[in-house]
Amino acid sequence: MFKISELMTSPVYSLRETDTLQSARVLMDQKRIRHVPITTGNNIFRGLITNRDVLANTISHLADIDQATQNEIDAGIPLQEIMRTDVRTVSSQDSVKDAANILYNNKYGCLPVVDDGKLVGIVTEADFLQLTIQLLEAMDQASAAAKS
């Protein structure tokens, strides 16, 4: 059985509950990620902030607020006030198939990987797309080998 530990991204970019919306926005922009787990100082998983959460807590550009003002507002919003805490997680020993079903059936974009309360990784839709590409390439190679 293929385990989450073989697919997950680790280490994970994460933030703390006391970090701000501005720090989440900067991290997401710099690292080109859409999901950031939130942990305590000793890496205990507490919640998740997504790109959608960032957008939902941003003042619309239609309000004609300049970037400096937006940054100042964002710097005053701690993540603990806006993070999701009702987050489904998986363990590193769970099966990839089970995790895929959870993502698909619930329309989640990611699953934090948590062992004994500690964040150890994350598995995202992109990880499953990469796995699909690898499997399709292997099928193509097997098909080509069978024809020759």
N, C-alpha and C. Protein backbone atom coordinates (compact mmCIF):
# COMPACT_ATOMS: atom_id res chain seq x y z
N MET A 1 0.86 -1.19 0.00
CA MET A 1 0.00 0.00 0.00
C MET A 1 0.90 1.25 0.00
N PHE A 2 0.59 2.17 -0.88
CA PHE A 2 1.31 3.42 -1.01
C PHE A 2 0.88 4.35 0.13
N LYS A 3 1.85 4.82 0.92
CA LYS A 3 1.57 5.65 2.11
C LYS A 3 1.75 7.14 1.82
N ILE A 4 1.05 7.95 2.61
CA ILE A 4 1.14 9.40 2.50
C ILE A 4 2.59 9.87 2.66
N SER A 5 3.36 9.21 3.52
CA SER A 5 4.74 9.61 3.74
C SER A 5 5.56 9.58 2.46
N GLU A 6 5.14 8.80 1.47
CA GLU A 6 5.85 8.69 0.20
C GLU A 6 5.43 9.77 -0.79
N LEU A 7 4.35 10.47 -0.51
CA LEU A 7 3.81 11.47 -1.43
C LEU A 7 3.88 12.89 -0.88
N MET A 8 3.81 13.02 0.42
CA MET A 8 3.68 14.34 1.05
C MET A 8 4.90 15.23 0.81
N THR A 9 4.65 16.51 0.92
CA THR A 9 5.72 17.50 0.89
C THR A 9 6.17 17.72 2.33
N SER A 10 7.46 17.60 2.55
CA SER A 10 8.02 17.80 3.88
C SER A 10 9.48 18.22 3.71
N PRO A 11 9.95 19.21 4.45
CA PRO A 11 9.23 20.00 5.45
C PRO A 11 8.22 20.94 4.79
N VAL A 12 7.37 21.48 5.63
CA VAL A 12 6.25 22.32 5.20
C VAL A 12 6.49 23.76 5.63
N TYR A 13 6.15 24.69 4.75
CA TYR A 13 6.12 26.10 5.15
C TYR A 13 4.92 26.25 6.06
N SER A 14 5.14 26.81 7.24
CA SER A 14 4.03 27.02 8.17
C SER A 14 4.22 28.35 8.88
N LEU A 15 3.15 28.79 9.52
CA LEU A 15 3.18 30.02 10.31
C LEU A 15 2.61 29.72 11.68
N ARG A 16 2.72 30.69 12.57
CA ARG A 16 2.19 30.56 13.93
C ARG A 16 0.88 31.34 14.04
N GLU A 17 0.11 31.04 15.06
CA GLU A 17 -1.17 31.70 15.29
C GLU A 17 -1.02 33.20 15.46
N THR A 18 0.11 33.63 15.99
CA THR A 18 0.34 35.05 16.25
C THR A 18 0.88 35.80 15.04
N ASP A 19 1.25 35.06 13.99
CA ASP A 19 1.65 35.72 12.75
C ASP A 19 0.42 36.41 12.15
N THR A 20 0.66 37.27 11.18
CA THR A 20 -0.43 38.10 10.66
C THR A 20 -0.86 37.71 9.26
N LEU A 21 -1.98 38.25 8.86
CA LEU A 21 -2.47 38.06 7.50
C LEU A 21 -1.42 38.53 6.50
N GLN A 22 -0.71 39.59 6.82
CA GLN A 22 0.34 40.08 5.93
C GLN A 22 1.44 39.03 5.75
N SER A 23 1.85 38.38 6.83
CA SER A 23 2.90 37.36 6.71
C SER A 23 2.42 36.16 5.90
N ALA A 24 1.14 35.83 6.02
CA ALA A 24 0.58 34.73 5.21
C ALA A 24 0.58 35.11 3.74
N ARG A 25 0.18 36.31 3.43
CA ARG A 25 0.15 36.78 2.04
C ARG A 25 1.56 36.77 1.44
N VAL A 26 2.53 37.26 2.20
CA VAL A 26 3.92 37.31 1.71
C VAL A 26 4.44 35.90 1.48
N LEU A 27 4.23 35.00 2.43
CA LEU A 27 4.71 33.63 2.29
C LEU A 27 4.08 32.95 1.07
N MET A 28 2.78 33.11 0.91
CA MET A 28 2.10 32.49 -0.22
C MET A 28 2.61 33.04 -1.55
N ASP A 29 2.83 34.34 -1.60
CA ASP A 29 3.34 34.95 -2.84
C ASP A 29 4.77 34.51 -3.13
N GLN A 30 5.63 34.54 -2.13
CA GLN A 30 7.04 34.19 -2.33
C GLN A 30 7.25 32.73 -2.69
N LYS A 31 6.51 31.85 -2.04
CA LYS A 31 6.72 30.41 -2.22
C LYS A 31 5.74 29.80 -3.24
N ARG A 32 4.82 30.63 -3.74
CA ARG A 32 3.82 30.19 -4.72
C ARG A 32 3.03 28.98 -4.21
N ILE A 33 2.48 29.16 -3.01
CA ILE A 33 1.67 28.12 -2.37
C ILE A 33 0.29 28.70 -2.05
N ARG A 34 -0.69 27.81 -1.86
CA ARG A 34 -2.05 28.25 -1.59
C ARG A 34 -2.58 27.82 -0.23
N HIS A 35 -1.79 27.03 0.51
CA HIS A 35 -2.22 26.51 1.81
C HIS A 35 -1.07 26.63 2.79
N VAL A 36 -1.34 27.20 3.96
CA VAL A 36 -0.31 27.33 4.98
C VAL A 36 -0.85 26.79 6.30
N PRO A 37 -0.26 25.69 6.78
CA PRO A 37 -0.65 25.19 8.10
C PRO A 37 -0.19 26.16 9.19
N ILE A 38 -0.96 26.18 10.26
CA ILE A 38 -0.66 27.04 11.41
C ILE A 38 -0.28 26.12 12.57
N THR A 39 0.86 26.41 13.20
CA THR A 39 1.34 25.57 14.29
C THR A 39 1.71 26.41 15.50
N THR A 40 1.92 25.72 16.61
CA THR A 40 2.43 26.36 17.82
C THR A 40 3.95 26.39 17.71
N GLY A 41 4.60 26.95 18.71
CA GLY A 41 6.06 27.01 18.72
C GLY A 41 6.73 25.65 18.69
N ASN A 42 6.07 24.63 19.22
CA ASN A 42 6.67 23.29 19.20
C ASN A 42 6.04 22.40 18.11
N ASN A 43 5.55 23.04 17.03
CA ASN A 43 5.08 22.38 15.82
C ASN A 43 3.78 21.58 15.98
N ILE A 44 2.98 21.90 17.00
CA ILE A 44 1.67 21.26 17.15
C ILE A 44 0.72 21.92 16.15
N PHE A 45 0.04 21.11 15.36
CA PHE A 45 -0.88 21.62 14.35
C PHE A 45 -2.09 22.27 15.00
N ARG A 46 -2.42 23.51 14.57
CA ARG A 46 -3.54 24.26 15.14
C ARG A 46 -4.62 24.61 14.12
N GLY A 47 -4.23 24.76 12.85
CA GLY A 47 -5.21 25.16 11.86
C GLY A 47 -4.57 25.37 10.50
N LEU A 48 -5.32 26.03 9.63
CA LEU A 48 -4.89 26.21 8.25
C LEU A 48 -5.40 27.54 7.73
N ILE A 49 -4.61 28.18 6.93
CA ILE A 49 -5.08 29.36 6.20
C ILE A 49 -4.84 29.09 4.72
N THR A 50 -5.83 29.42 3.93
CA THR A 50 -5.75 29.18 2.49
C THR A 50 -5.75 30.50 1.73
N ASN A 51 -5.43 30.40 0.47
CA ASN A 51 -5.47 31.58 -0.39
C ASN A 51 -6.87 32.20 -0.38
N ARG A 52 -7.88 31.37 -0.35
CA ARG A 52 -9.27 31.89 -0.28
C ARG A 52 -9.51 32.69 1.00
N ASP A 53 -8.94 32.21 2.11
CA ASP A 53 -9.08 32.93 3.38
C ASP A 53 -8.42 34.30 3.30
N VAL A 54 -7.25 34.33 2.67
CA VAL A 54 -6.53 35.60 2.50
C VAL A 54 -7.38 36.55 1.67
N LEU A 55 -7.90 36.06 0.56
CA LEU A 55 -8.73 36.90 -0.31
C LEU A 55 -10.00 37.37 0.40
N ALA A 56 -10.61 36.48 1.17
CA ALA A 56 -11.86 36.82 1.87
C ALA A 56 -11.65 37.90 2.93
N ASN A 57 -10.43 37.99 3.44
CA ASN A 57 -10.14 38.97 4.48
C ASN A 57 -9.37 40.18 3.97
N THR A 58 -9.41 40.38 2.66
CA THR A 58 -8.74 41.51 2.02
C THR A 58 -9.79 42.51 1.57
N ILE A 59 -9.51 43.76 1.78
CA ILE A 59 -10.42 44.82 1.32
C ILE A 59 -10.36 44.85 -0.20
N SER A 60 -11.51 44.94 -0.81
CA SER A 60 -11.61 44.92 -2.27
C SER A 60 -10.81 46.05 -2.90
N HIS A 61 -10.21 45.74 -4.04
CA HIS A 61 -9.51 46.78 -4.80
C HIS A 61 -10.48 47.86 -5.26
N LEU A 62 -11.76 47.54 -5.28
CA LEU A 62 -12.77 48.53 -5.66
C LEU A 62 -12.89 49.64 -4.62
N ALA A 63 -12.40 49.36 -3.40
CA ALA A 63 -12.44 50.38 -2.34
C ALA A 63 -11.35 51.43 -2.54
N ASP A 64 -10.49 51.21 -3.53
CA ASP A 64 -9.44 52.16 -3.89
C ASP A 64 -8.49 52.44 -2.72
N ILE A 65 -8.05 51.35 -2.08
CA ILE A 65 -7.08 51.46 -0.99
C ILE A 65 -5.71 51.13 -1.56
N ASP A 66 -4.72 51.97 -1.24
CA ASP A 66 -3.38 51.72 -1.77
C ASP A 66 -2.73 50.53 -1.05
N GLN A 67 -1.69 49.99 -1.65
CA GLN A 67 -1.03 48.79 -1.12
C GLN A 67 -0.46 49.00 0.27
N ALA A 68 0.09 50.16 0.54
CA ALA A 68 0.66 50.43 1.87
C ALA A 68 -0.42 50.36 2.95
N THR A 69 -1.60 50.91 2.66
CA THR A 69 -2.70 50.86 3.63
C THR A 69 -3.18 49.42 3.80
N GLN A 70 -3.28 48.67 2.70
CA GLN A 70 -3.68 47.26 2.77
C GLN A 70 -2.69 46.47 3.62
N ASN A 71 -1.40 46.71 3.43
CA ASN A 71 -0.37 46.02 4.22
C ASN A 71 -0.50 46.34 5.70
N GLU A 72 -0.80 47.61 6.00
CA GLU A 72 -0.95 48.02 7.39
C GLU A 72 -2.16 47.32 8.04
N ILE A 73 -3.24 47.23 7.30
CA ILE A 73 -4.44 46.54 7.80
C ILE A 73 -4.12 45.07 8.02
N ASP A 74 -3.49 44.44 7.02
CA ASP A 74 -3.14 43.01 7.10
C ASP A 74 -2.22 42.72 8.28
N ALA A 75 -1.30 43.64 8.57
CA ALA A 75 -0.34 43.45 9.66
C ALA A 75 -1.03 43.47 11.03
N GLY A 76 -2.25 43.98 11.10
CA GLY A 76 -2.99 44.04 12.35
C GLY A 76 -3.96 42.89 12.56
N ILE A 77 -3.98 41.93 11.64
CA ILE A 77 -4.91 40.81 11.74
C ILE A 77 -4.14 39.53 12.04
N PRO A 78 -4.20 39.05 13.29
CA PRO A 78 -3.49 37.80 13.61
C PRO A 78 -4.20 36.60 12.99
N LEU A 79 -3.43 35.62 12.57
CA LEU A 79 -4.00 34.45 11.90
C LEU A 79 -4.96 33.67 12.78
N GLN A 80 -4.77 33.70 14.08
CA GLN A 80 -5.67 32.97 14.97
C GLN A 80 -7.11 33.46 14.86
N GLU A 81 -7.30 34.68 14.38
CA GLU A 81 -8.65 35.22 14.22
C GLU A 81 -9.33 34.76 12.94
N ILE A 82 -8.55 34.34 11.95
CA ILE A 82 -9.15 34.00 10.66
C ILE A 82 -8.84 32.58 10.17
N MET A 83 -7.94 31.87 10.86
CA MET A 83 -7.57 30.53 10.38
C MET A 83 -8.72 29.54 10.57
N ARG A 84 -8.68 28.51 9.76
CA ARG A 84 -9.66 27.42 9.88
C ARG A 84 -9.12 26.44 10.92
N THR A 85 -9.98 26.05 11.84
CA THR A 85 -9.55 25.08 12.85
C THR A 85 -10.25 23.74 12.70
N ASP A 86 -11.29 23.70 11.89
CA ASP A 86 -12.03 22.45 11.64
C ASP A 86 -11.45 21.74 10.41
N VAL A 87 -10.16 21.48 10.45
CA VAL A 87 -9.43 20.98 9.30
C VAL A 87 -9.26 19.46 9.39
N ARG A 88 -9.59 18.80 8.32
CA ARG A 88 -9.36 17.35 8.23
C ARG A 88 -7.87 17.12 8.00
N THR A 89 -7.29 16.18 8.71
CA THR A 89 -5.88 15.85 8.55
C THR A 89 -5.73 14.36 8.27
N VAL A 90 -4.55 13.96 7.85
CA VAL A 90 -4.21 12.56 7.69
C VAL A 90 -2.88 12.31 8.40
N SER A 91 -2.57 11.04 8.63
CA SER A 91 -1.27 10.70 9.21
C SER A 91 -0.34 10.25 8.10
N SER A 92 0.93 10.24 8.37
CA SER A 92 1.92 9.84 7.37
C SER A 92 1.77 8.38 6.98
N GLN A 93 1.10 7.59 7.81
CA GLN A 93 0.92 6.16 7.53
C GLN A 93 -0.41 5.84 6.86
N ASP A 94 -1.26 6.83 6.64
CA ASP A 94 -2.52 6.61 5.93
C ASP A 94 -2.22 6.29 4.47
N SER A 95 -3.16 5.63 3.82
CA SER A 95 -2.95 5.28 2.42
C SER A 95 -3.22 6.48 1.51
N VAL A 96 -2.49 6.52 0.42
CA VAL A 96 -2.67 7.57 -0.58
C VAL A 96 -4.09 7.50 -1.16
N LYS A 97 -4.58 6.30 -1.37
CA LYS A 97 -5.94 6.12 -1.90
C LYS A 97 -6.98 6.74 -0.97
N ASP A 98 -6.86 6.49 0.33
CA ASP A 98 -7.81 7.07 1.29
C ASP A 98 -7.74 8.59 1.28
N ALA A 99 -6.53 9.13 1.23
CA ALA A 99 -6.36 10.59 1.20
C ALA A 99 -6.96 11.17 -0.08
N ALA A 100 -6.75 10.49 -1.20
CA ALA A 100 -7.31 10.95 -2.48
C ALA A 100 -8.83 10.99 -2.40
N ASN A 101 -9.42 9.99 -1.80
CA ASN A 101 -10.88 9.97 -1.65
C ASN A 101 -11.37 11.10 -0.76
N ILE A 102 -10.64 11.40 0.30
CA ILE A 102 -11.02 12.51 1.19
C ILE A 102 -10.97 13.83 0.42
N LEU A 103 -9.87 14.06 -0.31
CA LEU A 103 -9.75 15.30 -1.09
C LEU A 103 -10.88 15.41 -2.11
N TYR A 104 -11.09 14.34 -2.85
CA TYR A 104 -12.08 14.36 -3.93
C TYR A 104 -13.51 14.52 -3.40
N ASN A 105 -13.86 13.72 -2.42
CA ASN A 105 -15.24 13.72 -1.92
C ASN A 105 -15.61 14.99 -1.17
N ASN A 106 -14.62 15.65 -0.58
CA ASN A 106 -14.88 16.87 0.19
C ASN A 106 -14.48 18.15 -0.53
N LYS A 107 -13.89 17.98 -1.71
CA LYS A 107 -13.42 19.11 -2.52
C LYS A 107 -12.41 19.97 -1.77
N TYR A 108 -11.51 19.29 -1.03
CA TYR A 108 -10.42 19.97 -0.33
C TYR A 108 -9.26 20.18 -1.30
N GLY A 109 -8.47 21.21 -1.03
CA GLY A 109 -7.28 21.46 -1.82
C GLY A 109 -6.02 20.86 -1.21
N CYS A 110 -6.10 20.52 0.08
CA CYS A 110 -4.94 19.94 0.75
C CYS A 110 -5.37 19.20 1.99
N LEU A 111 -4.46 18.38 2.48
CA LEU A 111 -4.62 17.71 3.77
C LEU A 111 -3.30 17.85 4.54
N PRO A 112 -3.32 18.55 5.66
CA PRO A 112 -2.12 18.56 6.49
C PRO A 112 -1.84 17.15 7.00
N VAL A 113 -0.57 16.79 7.08
CA VAL A 113 -0.17 15.48 7.58
C VAL A 113 0.31 15.67 9.01
N VAL A 114 -0.39 15.01 9.94
CA VAL A 114 -0.14 15.21 11.36
C VAL A 114 0.07 13.86 12.04
N ASP A 115 1.19 13.71 12.72
CA ASP A 115 1.49 12.52 13.51
C ASP A 115 1.65 12.93 14.97
N ASP A 116 0.88 12.31 15.84
CA ASP A 116 0.94 12.62 17.28
C ASP A 116 0.77 14.11 17.55
N GLY A 117 -0.12 14.75 16.80
CA GLY A 117 -0.42 16.17 16.99
C GLY A 117 0.54 17.12 16.31
N LYS A 118 1.66 16.61 15.79
CA LYS A 118 2.68 17.47 15.18
C LYS A 118 2.57 17.44 13.66
N LEU A 119 2.74 18.61 13.08
CA LEU A 119 2.73 18.75 11.62
C LEU A 119 4.01 18.13 11.06
N VAL A 120 3.86 17.16 10.15
CA VAL A 120 5.03 16.52 9.55
C VAL A 120 5.07 16.70 8.03
N GLY A 121 3.97 17.18 7.44
CA GLY A 121 3.94 17.36 6.00
C GLY A 121 2.60 17.89 5.54
N ILE A 122 2.45 17.95 4.22
CA ILE A 122 1.19 18.35 3.62
C ILE A 122 1.08 17.63 2.29
N VAL A 123 -0.13 17.26 1.94
CA VAL A 123 -0.39 16.65 0.64
C VAL A 123 -1.46 17.51 -0.03
N THR A 124 -1.20 17.86 -1.29
CA THR A 124 -2.08 18.79 -2.01
C THR A 124 -2.57 18.17 -3.32
N GLU A 125 -3.52 18.86 -3.93
CA GLU A 125 -4.00 18.44 -5.25
C GLU A 125 -2.84 18.32 -6.23
N ALA A 126 -1.90 19.23 -6.15
CA ALA A 126 -0.74 19.21 -7.05
C ALA A 126 0.08 17.94 -6.88
N ASP A 127 0.20 17.44 -5.65
CA ASP A 127 0.91 16.19 -5.42
C ASP A 127 0.23 15.03 -6.14
N PHE A 128 -1.11 15.03 -6.10
CA PHE A 128 -1.85 13.96 -6.78
C PHE A 128 -1.79 14.10 -8.30
N LEU A 129 -1.75 15.32 -8.80
CA LEU A 129 -1.57 15.50 -10.24
C LEU A 129 -0.20 15.02 -10.68
N GLN A 130 0.83 15.32 -9.89
CA GLN A 130 2.18 14.86 -10.20
C GLN A 130 2.23 13.33 -10.20
N LEU A 131 1.59 12.70 -9.23
CA LEU A 131 1.53 11.24 -9.16
C LEU A 131 0.81 10.68 -10.39
N THR A 132 -0.28 11.31 -10.79
CA THR A 132 -1.03 10.87 -11.97
C THR A 132 -0.16 10.93 -13.22
N ILE A 133 0.59 12.00 -13.38
CA ILE A 133 1.48 12.14 -14.53
C ILE A 133 2.52 11.03 -14.53
N GLN A 134 3.10 10.75 -13.36
CA GLN A 134 4.11 9.69 -13.27
C GLN A 134 3.50 8.33 -13.63
N LEU A 135 2.30 8.07 -13.15
CA LEU A 135 1.64 6.80 -13.46
C LEU A 135 1.31 6.69 -14.95
N LEU A 136 0.85 7.78 -15.55
CA LEU A 136 0.55 7.77 -16.99
C LEU A 136 1.81 7.56 -17.82
N GLU A 137 2.91 8.18 -17.41
CA GLU A 137 4.18 7.98 -18.11
C GLU A 137 4.64 6.53 -18.00
N ALA A 138 4.47 5.93 -16.82
CA ALA A 138 4.84 4.52 -16.63
C ALA A 138 3.97 3.62 -17.50
N MET A 139 2.69 3.94 -17.62
CA MET A 139 1.80 3.16 -18.47
C MET A 139 2.21 3.28 -19.94
N ASP A 140 2.57 4.51 -20.36
CA ASP A 140 3.03 4.72 -21.73
C ASP A 140 4.28 3.90 -22.02
N GLN A 141 5.22 3.90 -21.08
CA GLN A 141 6.46 3.15 -21.26
C GLN A 141 6.18 1.64 -21.32
N ALA A 142 5.28 1.16 -20.46
CA ALA A 142 4.95 -0.26 -20.47
C ALA A 142 4.25 -0.64 -21.77
N SER A 143 3.40 0.22 -22.26
CA SER A 143 2.70 -0.03 -23.52
C SER A 143 3.69 -0.07 -24.69
N ALA A 144 4.62 0.88 -24.69
CA ALA A 144 5.62 0.93 -25.75
C ALA A 144 6.52 -0.30 -25.70
N ALA A 145 6.88 -0.75 -24.51
CA ALA A 145 7.73 -1.93 -24.36
C ALA A 145 6.99 -3.19 -24.82
N ALA A 146 5.71 -3.26 -24.56
CA ALA A 146 4.91 -4.43 -24.96
C ALA A 146 4.76 -4.51 -26.48
N LYS A 147 4.78 -3.37 -27.15
CA LYS A 147 4.64 -3.33 -28.61
C LYS A 147 5.94 -3.69 -29.32
N SER A 148 7.07 -3.56 -28.65
CA SER A 148 8.35 -3.83 -29.34
C SER A 148 8.85 -5.23 -29.09
